[in-house]
Amino acid sequence: RQDYVTAGPFLAYATPELIRAVEQGVPD
């Protein structure tokens, strides 16, 4: 949806496990 304003701030709370999952599961 290109809703970057919503997605961005959540990075401040991303755990190492979630960061690894994003690397593997978010291709954009």
mmCIF file of all heavy atoms, coordinates in Angstrom:
data_MODEL
# 
_entry.id   MODEL 
# 
loop_
_atom_site.group_PDB 
_atom_site.id 
_atom_site.type_symbol 
_atom_site.label_atom_id 
_atom_site.label_alt_id 
_atom_site.label_comp_id 
_atom_site.label_asym_id 
_atom_site.label_entity_id 
_atom_site.label_seq_id 
_atom_site.pdbx_PDB_ins_code 
_atom_site.Cartn_x 
_atom_site.Cartn_y 
_atom_site.Cartn_z 
_atom_site.occupancy 
_atom_site.B_iso_or_equiv 
_atom_site.pdbx_formal_charge 
_atom_site.auth_seq_id 
_atom_site.auth_comp_id 
_atom_site.auth_asym_id 
_atom_site.auth_atom_id 
_atom_site.pdbx_PDB_model_num 
ATOM 1   N N   . ARG A 1 1  ? 0.823  -1.220  0.000  1.00 0.00 ? 1  ARG A N   1 
ATOM 2   C CA  . ARG A 1 1  ? 0.000  0.000   0.000  1.00 0.00 ? 1  ARG A CA  1 
ATOM 3   C C   . ARG A 1 1  ? 0.854  1.266   0.000  1.00 0.00 ? 1  ARG A C   1 
ATOM 4   O O   . ARG A 1 1  ? 0.318  2.371   -0.032 1.00 0.00 ? 1  ARG A O   1 
ATOM 5   C CB  . ARG A 1 1  ? -0.895 0.019   1.240  1.00 0.00 ? 1  ARG A CB  1 
ATOM 6   C CG  . ARG A 1 1  ? -1.859 -1.140  1.359  1.00 0.00 ? 1  ARG A CG  1 
ATOM 7   C CD  . ARG A 1 1  ? -2.650 -1.031  2.654  1.00 0.00 ? 1  ARG A CD  1 
ATOM 8   N NE  . ARG A 1 1  ? -3.573 -2.140  2.821  1.00 0.00 ? 1  ARG A NE  1 
ATOM 9   C CZ  . ARG A 1 1  ? -4.499 -2.206  3.778  1.00 0.00 ? 1  ARG A CZ  1 
ATOM 10  N NH1 . ARG A 1 1  ? -4.605 -1.218  4.669  1.00 0.00 ? 1  ARG A NH1 1 
ATOM 11  N NH2 . ARG A 1 1  ? -5.301 -3.246  3.853  1.00 0.00 ? 1  ARG A NH2 1 
ATOM 12  N N   . GLN A 1 2  ? 2.152  1.102   0.115  1.00 0.00 ? 2  GLN A N   1 
ATOM 13  C CA  . GLN A 1 2  ? 3.104  2.213   0.247  1.00 0.00 ? 2  GLN A CA  1 
ATOM 14  C C   . GLN A 1 2  ? 2.819  3.052   1.490  1.00 0.00 ? 2  GLN A C   1 
ATOM 15  O O   . GLN A 1 2  ? 3.034  4.270   1.512  1.00 0.00 ? 2  GLN A O   1 
ATOM 16  C CB  . GLN A 1 2  ? 3.102  3.089   -1.022 1.00 0.00 ? 2  GLN A CB  1 
ATOM 17  C CG  . GLN A 1 2  ? 3.515  2.328   -2.268 1.00 0.00 ? 2  GLN A CG  1 
ATOM 18  C CD  . GLN A 1 2  ? 3.639  3.212   -3.497 1.00 0.00 ? 2  GLN A CD  1 
ATOM 19  O OE1 . GLN A 1 2  ? 3.339  4.402   -3.469 1.00 0.00 ? 2  GLN A OE1 1 
ATOM 20  N NE2 . GLN A 1 2  ? 4.105  2.644   -4.589 1.00 0.00 ? 2  GLN A NE2 1 
ATOM 21  N N   . ASP A 1 3  ? 2.353  2.389   2.542  1.00 0.00 ? 3  ASP A N   1 
ATOM 22  C CA  . ASP A 1 3  ? 2.081  3.062   3.809  1.00 0.00 ? 3  ASP A CA  1 
ATOM 23  C C   . ASP A 1 3  ? 3.341  3.010   4.669  1.00 0.00 ? 3  ASP A C   1 
ATOM 24  O O   . ASP A 1 3  ? 3.387  2.336   5.698  1.00 0.00 ? 3  ASP A O   1 
ATOM 25  C CB  . ASP A 1 3  ? 0.899  2.397   4.516  1.00 0.00 ? 3  ASP A CB  1 
ATOM 26  C CG  . ASP A 1 3  ? 0.457  3.183   5.749  1.00 0.00 ? 3  ASP A CG  1 
ATOM 27  O OD1 . ASP A 1 3  ? 1.061  4.240   6.028  1.00 0.00 ? 3  ASP A OD1 1 
ATOM 28  O OD2 . ASP A 1 3  ? -0.482 2.726   6.435  1.00 0.00 ? 3  ASP A OD2 1 
ATOM 29  N N   . TYR A 1 4  ? 4.356  3.732   4.248  1.00 0.00 ? 4  TYR A N   1 
ATOM 30  C CA  . TYR A 1 4  ? 5.644  3.699   4.925  1.00 0.00 ? 4  TYR A CA  1 
ATOM 31  C C   . TYR A 1 4  ? 5.600  4.421   6.267  1.00 0.00 ? 4  TYR A C   1 
ATOM 32  O O   . TYR A 1 4  ? 6.364  4.086   7.180  1.00 0.00 ? 4  TYR A O   1 
ATOM 33  C CB  . TYR A 1 4  ? 6.714  4.331   4.034  1.00 0.00 ? 4  TYR A CB  1 
ATOM 34  C CG  . TYR A 1 4  ? 6.728  3.786   2.632  1.00 0.00 ? 4  TYR A CG  1 
ATOM 35  C CD1 . TYR A 1 4  ? 6.683  4.631   1.515  1.00 0.00 ? 4  TYR A CD1 1 
ATOM 36  C CD2 . TYR A 1 4  ? 6.745  2.409   2.396  1.00 0.00 ? 4  TYR A CD2 1 
ATOM 37  C CE1 . TYR A 1 4  ? 6.691  4.128   0.228  1.00 0.00 ? 4  TYR A CE1 1 
ATOM 38  C CE2 . TYR A 1 4  ? 6.750  1.896   1.111  1.00 0.00 ? 4  TYR A CE2 1 
ATOM 39  C CZ  . TYR A 1 4  ? 6.722  2.766   0.032  1.00 0.00 ? 4  TYR A CZ  1 
ATOM 40  O OH  . TYR A 1 4  ? 6.712  2.261   -1.255 1.00 0.00 ? 4  TYR A OH  1 
ATOM 41  N N   . VAL A 1 5  ? 4.713  5.395   6.411  1.00 0.00 ? 5  VAL A N   1 
ATOM 42  C CA  . VAL A 1 5  ? 4.597  6.136   7.666  1.00 0.00 ? 5  VAL A CA  1 
ATOM 43  C C   . VAL A 1 5  ? 4.176  5.205   8.797  1.00 0.00 ? 5  VAL A C   1 
ATOM 44  O O   . VAL A 1 5  ? 4.597  5.378   9.942  1.00 0.00 ? 5  VAL A O   1 
ATOM 45  C CB  . VAL A 1 5  ? 3.592  7.296   7.508  1.00 0.00 ? 5  VAL A CB  1 
ATOM 46  C CG1 . VAL A 1 5  ? 3.468  8.079   8.809  1.00 0.00 ? 5  VAL A CG1 1 
ATOM 47  C CG2 . VAL A 1 5  ? 4.019  8.232   6.388  1.00 0.00 ? 5  VAL A CG2 1 
ATOM 48  N N   . THR A 1 6  ? 3.349  4.220   8.486  1.00 0.00 ? 6  THR A N   1 
ATOM 49  C CA  . THR A 1 6  ? 2.926  3.260   9.503  1.00 0.00 ? 6  THR A CA  1 
ATOM 50  C C   . THR A 1 6  ? 3.999  2.216   9.764  1.00 0.00 ? 6  THR A C   1 
ATOM 51  O O   . THR A 1 6  ? 4.295  1.877   10.915 1.00 0.00 ? 6  THR A O   1 
ATOM 52  C CB  . THR A 1 6  ? 1.619  2.556   9.071  1.00 0.00 ? 6  THR A CB  1 
ATOM 53  O OG1 . THR A 1 6  ? 0.580  3.531   8.976  1.00 0.00 ? 6  THR A OG1 1 
ATOM 54  C CG2 . THR A 1 6  ? 1.222  1.475   10.067 1.00 0.00 ? 6  THR A CG2 1 
ATOM 55  N N   . ALA A 1 7  ? 4.597  1.692   8.710  1.00 0.00 ? 7  ALA A N   1 
ATOM 56  C CA  . ALA A 1 7  ? 5.546  0.589   8.861  1.00 0.00 ? 7  ALA A CA  1 
ATOM 57  C C   . ALA A 1 7  ? 6.836  1.018   9.561  1.00 0.00 ? 7  ALA A C   1 
ATOM 58  O O   . ALA A 1 7  ? 7.383  0.268   10.376 1.00 0.00 ? 7  ALA A O   1 
ATOM 59  C CB  . ALA A 1 7  ? 5.873  0.004   7.488  1.00 0.00 ? 7  ALA A CB  1 
ATOM 60  N N   . GLY A 1 8  ? 7.328  2.218   9.278  1.00 0.00 ? 8  GLY A N   1 
ATOM 61  C CA  . GLY A 1 8  ? 8.637  2.634   9.762  1.00 0.00 ? 8  GLY A CA  1 
ATOM 62  C C   . GLY A 1 8  ? 8.824  2.649   11.266 1.00 0.00 ? 8  GLY A C   1 
ATOM 63  O O   . GLY A 1 8  ? 9.770  2.044   11.783 1.00 0.00 ? 8  GLY A O   1 
ATOM 64  N N   . PRO A 1 9  ? 7.956  3.328   12.024 1.00 0.00 ? 9  PRO A N   1 
ATOM 65  C CA  . PRO A 1 9  ? 8.175  3.422   13.470 1.00 0.00 ? 9  PRO A CA  1 
ATOM 66  C C   . PRO A 1 9  ? 8.186  2.078   14.190 1.00 0.00 ? 9  PRO A C   1 
ATOM 67  O O   . PRO A 1 9  ? 8.780  1.947   15.253 1.00 0.00 ? 9  PRO A O   1 
ATOM 68  C CB  . PRO A 1 9  ? 6.989  4.283   13.943 1.00 0.00 ? 9  PRO A CB  1 
ATOM 69  C CG  . PRO A 1 9  ? 6.641  5.118   12.752 1.00 0.00 ? 9  PRO A CG  1 
ATOM 70  C CD  . PRO A 1 9  ? 6.864  4.211   11.573 1.00 0.00 ? 9  PRO A CD  1 
ATOM 71  N N   . PHE A 1 10 ? 7.539  1.058   13.618 1.00 0.00 ? 10 PHE A N   1 
ATOM 72  C CA  . PHE A 1 10 ? 7.526  -0.253  14.262 1.00 0.00 ? 10 PHE A CA  1 
ATOM 73  C C   . PHE A 1 10 ? 8.916  -0.887  14.294 1.00 0.00 ? 10 PHE A C   1 
ATOM 74  O O   . PHE A 1 10 ? 9.170  -1.805  15.084 1.00 0.00 ? 10 PHE A O   1 
ATOM 75  C CB  . PHE A 1 10 ? 6.551  -1.193  13.552 1.00 0.00 ? 10 PHE A CB  1 
ATOM 76  C CG  . PHE A 1 10 ? 5.109  -0.805  13.729 1.00 0.00 ? 10 PHE A CG  1 
ATOM 77  C CD1 . PHE A 1 10 ? 4.161  -1.139  12.785 1.00 0.00 ? 10 PHE A CD1 1 
ATOM 78  C CD2 . PHE A 1 10 ? 4.692  -0.094  14.841 1.00 0.00 ? 10 PHE A CD2 1 
ATOM 79  C CE1 . PHE A 1 10 ? 2.823  -0.771  12.934 1.00 0.00 ? 10 PHE A CE1 1 
ATOM 80  C CE2 . PHE A 1 10 ? 3.363  0.280   15.015 1.00 0.00 ? 10 PHE A CE2 1 
ATOM 81  C CZ  . PHE A 1 10 ? 2.433  -0.061  14.059 1.00 0.00 ? 10 PHE A CZ  1 
ATOM 82  N N   . LEU A 1 11 ? 9.836  -0.390  13.447 1.00 0.00 ? 11 LEU A N   1 
ATOM 83  C CA  . LEU A 1 11 ? 11.197 -0.932  13.452 1.00 0.00 ? 11 LEU A CA  1 
ATOM 84  C C   . LEU A 1 11 ? 11.882 -0.724  14.799 1.00 0.00 ? 11 LEU A C   1 
ATOM 85  O O   . LEU A 1 11 ? 12.767 -1.499  15.175 1.00 0.00 ? 11 LEU A O   1 
ATOM 86  C CB  . LEU A 1 11 ? 12.032 -0.272  12.356 1.00 0.00 ? 11 LEU A CB  1 
ATOM 87  C CG  . LEU A 1 11 ? 11.745 -0.696  10.918 1.00 0.00 ? 11 LEU A CG  1 
ATOM 88  C CD1 . LEU A 1 11 ? 12.563 0.143   9.954  1.00 0.00 ? 11 LEU A CD1 1 
ATOM 89  C CD2 . LEU A 1 11 ? 12.056 -2.169  10.721 1.00 0.00 ? 11 LEU A CD2 1 
ATOM 90  N N   . ALA A 1 12 ? 11.469 0.320   15.515 1.00 0.00 ? 12 ALA A N   1 
ATOM 91  C CA  . ALA A 1 12 ? 12.082 0.599   16.814 1.00 0.00 ? 12 ALA A CA  1 
ATOM 92  C C   . ALA A 1 12 ? 11.825 -0.520  17.810 1.00 0.00 ? 12 ALA A C   1 
ATOM 93  O O   . ALA A 1 12 ? 12.543 -0.646  18.806 1.00 0.00 ? 12 ALA A O   1 
ATOM 94  C CB  . ALA A 1 12 ? 11.552 1.919   17.365 1.00 0.00 ? 12 ALA A CB  1 
ATOM 95  N N   . TYR A 1 13 ? 10.814 -1.341  17.546 1.00 0.00 ? 13 TYR A N   1 
ATOM 96  C CA  . TYR A 1 13 ? 10.452 -2.399  18.495 1.00 0.00 ? 13 TYR A CA  1 
ATOM 97  C C   . TYR A 1 13 ? 10.744 -3.792  17.946 1.00 0.00 ? 13 TYR A C   1 
ATOM 98  O O   . TYR A 1 13 ? 10.387 -4.786  18.566 1.00 0.00 ? 13 TYR A O   1 
ATOM 99  C CB  . TYR A 1 13 ? 8.957  -2.287  18.839 1.00 0.00 ? 13 TYR A CB  1 
ATOM 100 C CG  . TYR A 1 13 ? 8.539  -0.901  19.244 1.00 0.00 ? 13 TYR A CG  1 
ATOM 101 C CD1 . TYR A 1 13 ? 7.791  -0.089  18.393 1.00 0.00 ? 13 TYR A CD1 1 
ATOM 102 C CD2 . TYR A 1 13 ? 8.928  -0.370  20.472 1.00 0.00 ? 13 TYR A CD2 1 
ATOM 103 C CE1 . TYR A 1 13 ? 7.422  1.190   18.765 1.00 0.00 ? 13 TYR A CE1 1 
ATOM 104 C CE2 . TYR A 1 13 ? 8.567  0.915   20.853 1.00 0.00 ? 13 TYR A CE2 1 
ATOM 105 C CZ  . TYR A 1 13 ? 7.811  1.695   19.989 1.00 0.00 ? 13 TYR A CZ  1 
ATOM 106 O OH  . TYR A 1 13 ? 7.461  2.953   20.357 1.00 0.00 ? 13 TYR A OH  1 
ATOM 107 N N   . ALA A 1 14 ? 11.386 -3.865  16.795 1.00 0.00 ? 14 ALA A N   1 
ATOM 108 C CA  . ALA A 1 14 ? 11.621 -5.165  16.172 1.00 0.00 ? 14 ALA A CA  1 
ATOM 109 C C   . ALA A 1 14 ? 12.676 -5.951  16.941 1.00 0.00 ? 14 ALA A C   1 
ATOM 110 O O   . ALA A 1 14 ? 13.767 -5.459  17.212 1.00 0.00 ? 14 ALA A O   1 
ATOM 111 C CB  . ALA A 1 14 ? 12.055 -4.977  14.723 1.00 0.00 ? 14 ALA A CB  1 
ATOM 112 N N   . THR A 1 15 ? 12.349 -7.164  17.281 1.00 0.00 ? 15 THR A N   1 
ATOM 113 C CA  . THR A 1 15 ? 13.296 -8.060  17.944 1.00 0.00 ? 15 THR A CA  1 
ATOM 114 C C   . THR A 1 15 ? 14.257 -8.648  16.906 1.00 0.00 ? 15 THR A C   1 
ATOM 115 O O   . THR A 1 15 ? 13.966 -8.624  15.708 1.00 0.00 ? 15 THR A O   1 
ATOM 116 C CB  . THR A 1 15 ? 12.549 -9.204  18.626 1.00 0.00 ? 15 THR A CB  1 
ATOM 117 O OG1 . THR A 1 15 ? 11.847 -9.962  17.624 1.00 0.00 ? 15 THR A OG1 1 
ATOM 118 C CG2 . THR A 1 15 ? 11.559 -8.675  19.646 1.00 0.00 ? 15 THR A CG2 1 
ATOM 119 N N   . PRO A 1 16 ? 15.408 -9.170  17.332 1.00 0.00 ? 16 PRO A N   1 
ATOM 120 C CA  . PRO A 1 16 ? 16.319 -9.815  16.368 1.00 0.00 ? 16 PRO A CA  1 
ATOM 121 C C   . PRO A 1 16 ? 15.627 -10.900 15.543 1.00 0.00 ? 16 PRO A C   1 
ATOM 122 O O   . PRO A 1 16 ? 15.893 -11.037 14.346 1.00 0.00 ? 16 PRO A O   1 
ATOM 123 C CB  . PRO A 1 16 ? 17.414 -10.396 17.261 1.00 0.00 ? 16 PRO A CB  1 
ATOM 124 C CG  . PRO A 1 16 ? 17.441 -9.492  18.451 1.00 0.00 ? 16 PRO A CG  1 
ATOM 125 C CD  . PRO A 1 16 ? 16.014 -9.098  18.682 1.00 0.00 ? 16 PRO A CD  1 
ATOM 126 N N   . GLU A 1 17 ? 14.748 -11.664 16.169 1.00 0.00 ? 17 GLU A N   1 
ATOM 127 C CA  . GLU A 1 17 ? 14.032 -12.716 15.443 1.00 0.00 ? 17 GLU A CA  1 
ATOM 128 C C   . GLU A 1 17 ? 13.156 -12.125 14.347 1.00 0.00 ? 17 GLU A C   1 
ATOM 129 O O   . GLU A 1 17 ? 13.105 -12.627 13.216 1.00 0.00 ? 17 GLU A O   1 
ATOM 130 C CB  . GLU A 1 17 ? 13.177 -13.539 16.410 1.00 0.00 ? 17 GLU A CB  1 
ATOM 131 C CG  . GLU A 1 17 ? 12.434 -14.689 15.740 1.00 0.00 ? 17 GLU A CG  1 
ATOM 132 C CD  . GLU A 1 17 ? 11.507 -15.425 16.693 1.00 0.00 ? 17 GLU A CD  1 
ATOM 133 O OE1 . GLU A 1 17 ? 11.267 -14.918 17.813 1.00 0.00 ? 17 GLU A OE1 1 
ATOM 134 O OE2 . GLU A 1 17 ? 11.009 -16.503 16.313 1.00 0.00 ? 17 GLU A OE2 1 
ATOM 135 N N   . LEU A 1 18 ? 12.475 -11.034 14.693 1.00 0.00 ? 18 LEU A N   1 
ATOM 136 C CA  . LEU A 1 18 ? 11.598 -10.406 13.704 1.00 0.00 ? 18 LEU A CA  1 
ATOM 137 C C   . LEU A 1 18 ? 12.405 -9.764  12.578 1.00 0.00 ? 18 LEU A C   1 
ATOM 138 O O   . LEU A 1 18 ? 12.012 -9.807  11.415 1.00 0.00 ? 18 LEU A O   1 
ATOM 139 C CB  . LEU A 1 18 ? 10.710 -9.353  14.379 1.00 0.00 ? 18 LEU A CB  1 
ATOM 140 C CG  . LEU A 1 18 ? 9.688  -8.645  13.491 1.00 0.00 ? 18 LEU A CG  1 
ATOM 141 C CD1 . LEU A 1 18 ? 8.800  -9.644  12.769 1.00 0.00 ? 18 LEU A CD1 1 
ATOM 142 C CD2 . LEU A 1 18 ? 8.851  -7.664  14.289 1.00 0.00 ? 18 LEU A CD2 1 
ATOM 143 N N   . ILE A 1 19 ? 13.558 -9.179  12.913 1.00 0.00 ? 19 ILE A N   1 
ATOM 144 C CA  . ILE A 1 19 ? 14.407 -8.576  11.879 1.00 0.00 ? 19 ILE A CA  1 
ATOM 145 C C   . ILE A 1 19 ? 14.866 -9.644  10.885 1.00 0.00 ? 19 ILE A C   1 
ATOM 146 O O   . ILE A 1 19 ? 14.854 -9.424  9.671  1.00 0.00 ? 19 ILE A O   1 
ATOM 147 C CB  . ILE A 1 19 ? 15.621 -7.870  12.522 1.00 0.00 ? 19 ILE A CB  1 
ATOM 148 C CG1 . ILE A 1 19 ? 15.158 -6.653  13.332 1.00 0.00 ? 19 ILE A CG1 1 
ATOM 149 C CG2 . ILE A 1 19 ? 16.607 -7.419  11.442 1.00 0.00 ? 19 ILE A CG2 1 
ATOM 150 C CD1 . ILE A 1 19 ? 16.259 -6.013  14.152 1.00 0.00 ? 19 ILE A CD1 1 
ATOM 151 N N   . ARG A 1 20 ? 15.244 -10.798 11.399 1.00 0.00 ? 20 ARG A N   1 
ATOM 152 C CA  . ARG A 1 20 ? 15.640 -11.888 10.503 1.00 0.00 ? 20 ARG A CA  1 
ATOM 153 C C   . ARG A 1 20 ? 14.476 -12.341 9.633  1.00 0.00 ? 20 ARG A C   1 
ATOM 154 O O   . ARG A 1 20 ? 14.648 -12.638 8.439  1.00 0.00 ? 20 ARG A O   1 
ATOM 155 C CB  . ARG A 1 20 ? 16.181 -13.069 11.328 1.00 0.00 ? 20 ARG A CB  1 
ATOM 156 C CG  . ARG A 1 20 ? 17.551 -12.839 11.926 1.00 0.00 ? 20 ARG A CG  1 
ATOM 157 C CD  . ARG A 1 20 ? 18.131 -14.128 12.474 1.00 0.00 ? 20 ARG A CD  1 
ATOM 158 N NE  . ARG A 1 20 ? 17.378 -14.602 13.630 1.00 0.00 ? 20 ARG A NE  1 
ATOM 159 C CZ  . ARG A 1 20 ? 17.627 -14.256 14.886 1.00 0.00 ? 20 ARG A CZ  1 
ATOM 160 N NH1 . ARG A 1 20 ? 18.620 -13.423 15.151 1.00 0.00 ? 20 ARG A NH1 1 
ATOM 161 N NH2 . ARG A 1 20 ? 16.912 -14.747 15.872 1.00 0.00 ? 20 ARG A NH2 1 
ATOM 162 N N   . ALA A 1 21 ? 13.287 -12.381 10.219 1.00 0.00 ? 21 ALA A N   1 
ATOM 163 C CA  . ALA A 1 21 ? 12.100 -12.780 9.456  1.00 0.00 ? 21 ALA A CA  1 
ATOM 164 C C   . ALA A 1 21 ? 11.788 -11.771 8.360  1.00 0.00 ? 21 ALA A C   1 
ATOM 165 O O   . ALA A 1 21 ? 11.393 -12.138 7.246  1.00 0.00 ? 21 ALA A O   1 
ATOM 166 C CB  . ALA A 1 21 ? 10.905 -12.943 10.389 1.00 0.00 ? 21 ALA A CB  1 
ATOM 167 N N   . VAL A 1 22 ? 11.969 -10.483 8.655  1.00 0.00 ? 22 VAL A N   1 
ATOM 168 C CA  . VAL A 1 22 ? 11.731 -9.436  7.655  1.00 0.00 ? 22 VAL A CA  1 
ATOM 169 C C   . VAL A 1 22 ? 12.730 -9.559  6.518  1.00 0.00 ? 22 VAL A C   1 
ATOM 170 O O   . VAL A 1 22 ? 12.382 -9.430  5.336  1.00 0.00 ? 22 VAL A O   1 
ATOM 171 C CB  . VAL A 1 22 ? 11.805 -8.038  8.313  1.00 0.00 ? 22 VAL A CB  1 
ATOM 172 C CG1 . VAL A 1 22 ? 11.876 -6.940  7.252  1.00 0.00 ? 22 VAL A CG1 1 
ATOM 173 C CG2 . VAL A 1 22 ? 10.598 -7.815  9.215  1.00 0.00 ? 22 VAL A CG2 1 
ATOM 174 N N   . GLU A 1 23 ? 13.993 -9.813  6.859  1.00 0.00 ? 23 GLU A N   1 
ATOM 175 C CA  . GLU A 1 23 ? 15.015 -9.976  5.822  1.00 0.00 ? 23 GLU A CA  1 
ATOM 176 C C   . GLU A 1 23 ? 14.636 -11.093 4.844  1.00 0.00 ? 23 GLU A C   1 
ATOM 177 O O   . GLU A 1 23 ? 14.777 -10.956 3.628  1.00 0.00 ? 23 GLU A O   1 
ATOM 178 C CB  . GLU A 1 23 ? 16.364 -10.295 6.451  1.00 0.00 ? 23 GLU A CB  1 
ATOM 179 C CG  . GLU A 1 23 ? 17.458 -10.502 5.414  1.00 0.00 ? 23 GLU A CG  1 
ATOM 180 C CD  . GLU A 1 23 ? 18.717 -11.141 5.984  1.00 0.00 ? 23 GLU A CD  1 
ATOM 181 O OE1 . GLU A 1 23 ? 18.656 -11.664 7.113  1.00 0.00 ? 23 GLU A OE1 1 
ATOM 182 O OE2 . GLU A 1 23 ? 19.749 -11.117 5.293  1.00 0.00 ? 23 GLU A OE2 1 
ATOM 183 N N   . GLN A 1 24 ? 14.135 -12.177 5.386  1.00 0.00 ? 24 GLN A N   1 
ATOM 184 C CA  . GLN A 1 24 ? 13.826 -13.343 4.555  1.00 0.00 ? 24 GLN A CA  1 
ATOM 185 C C   . GLN A 1 24 ? 12.450 -13.263 3.903  1.00 0.00 ? 24 GLN A C   1 
ATOM 186 O O   . GLN A 1 24 ? 12.241 -13.812 2.820  1.00 0.00 ? 24 GLN A O   1 
ATOM 187 C CB  . GLN A 1 24 ? 13.912 -14.613 5.417  1.00 0.00 ? 24 GLN A CB  1 
ATOM 188 C CG  . GLN A 1 24 ? 15.300 -14.869 5.974  1.00 0.00 ? 24 GLN A CG  1 
ATOM 189 C CD  . GLN A 1 24 ? 15.312 -15.956 7.042  1.00 0.00 ? 24 GLN A CD  1 
ATOM 190 O OE1 . GLN A 1 24 ? 14.307 -16.618 7.259  1.00 0.00 ? 24 GLN A OE1 1 
ATOM 191 N NE2 . GLN A 1 24 ? 16.451 -16.121 7.706  1.00 0.00 ? 24 GLN A NE2 1 
ATOM 192 N N   . GLY A 1 25 ? 11.507 -12.563 4.564  1.00 0.00 ? 25 GLY A N   1 
ATOM 193 C CA  . GLY A 1 25 ? 10.129 -12.628 4.100  1.00 0.00 ? 25 GLY A CA  1 
ATOM 194 C C   . GLY A 1 25 ? 9.576  -11.370 3.470  1.00 0.00 ? 25 GLY A C   1 
ATOM 195 O O   . GLY A 1 25 ? 8.433  -11.363 2.988  1.00 0.00 ? 25 GLY A O   1 
ATOM 196 N N   . VAL A 1 26 ? 10.335 -10.272 3.473  1.00 0.00 ? 26 VAL A N   1 
ATOM 197 C CA  . VAL A 1 26 ? 9.860  -9.010  2.884  1.00 0.00 ? 26 VAL A CA  1 
ATOM 198 C C   . VAL A 1 26 ? 10.767 -8.681  1.700  1.00 0.00 ? 26 VAL A C   1 
ATOM 199 O O   . VAL A 1 26 ? 11.887 -8.189  1.886  1.00 0.00 ? 26 VAL A O   1 
ATOM 200 C CB  . VAL A 1 26 ? 9.875  -7.863  3.917  1.00 0.00 ? 26 VAL A CB  1 
ATOM 201 C CG1 . VAL A 1 26 ? 9.398  -6.565  3.274  1.00 0.00 ? 26 VAL A CG1 1 
ATOM 202 C CG2 . VAL A 1 26 ? 9.002  -8.214  5.116  1.00 0.00 ? 26 VAL A CG2 1 
ATOM 203 N N   . PRO A 1 27 ? 10.332 -8.929  0.481  1.00 0.00 ? 27 PRO A N   1 
ATOM 204 C CA  . PRO A 1 27 ? 11.208 -8.752  -0.686 1.00 0.00 ? 27 PRO A CA  1 
ATOM 205 C C   . PRO A 1 27 ? 11.307 -7.317  -1.197 1.00 0.00 ? 27 PRO A C   1 
ATOM 206 O O   . PRO A 1 27 ? 12.154 -7.027  -2.037 1.00 0.00 ? 27 PRO A O   1 
ATOM 207 C CB  . PRO A 1 27 ? 10.554 -9.647  -1.742 1.00 0.00 ? 27 PRO A CB  1 
ATOM 208 C CG  . PRO A 1 27 ? 9.100  -9.636  -1.383 1.00 0.00 ? 27 PRO A CG  1 
ATOM 209 C CD  . PRO A 1 27 ? 9.041  -9.555  0.119  1.00 0.00 ? 27 PRO A CD  1 
ATOM 210 N N   . ASP A 1 28 ? 10.467 -6.423  -0.717 1.00 0.00 ? 28 ASP A N   1 
ATOM 211 C CA  . ASP A 1 28 ? 10.373 -5.069  -1.267 1.00 0.00 ? 28 ASP A CA  1 
ATOM 212 C C   . ASP A 1 28 ? 11.510 -4.188  -0.735 1.00 0.00 ? 28 ASP A C   1 
ATOM 213 O O   . ASP A 1 28 ? 11.398 -3.594  0.346  1.00 0.00 ? 28 ASP A O   1 
ATOM 214 C CB  . ASP A 1 28 ? 9.011  -4.462  -0.903 1.00 0.00 ? 28 ASP A CB  1 
ATOM 215 C CG  . ASP A 1 28 ? 8.771  -3.108  -1.547 1.00 0.00 ? 28 ASP A CG  1 
ATOM 216 O OD1 . ASP A 1 28 ? 9.707  -2.554  -2.164 1.00 0.00 ? 28 ASP A OD1 1 
ATOM 217 O OD2 . ASP A 1 28 ? 7.650  -2.581  -1.420 1.00 0.00 ? 28 ASP A OD2 1 
# 
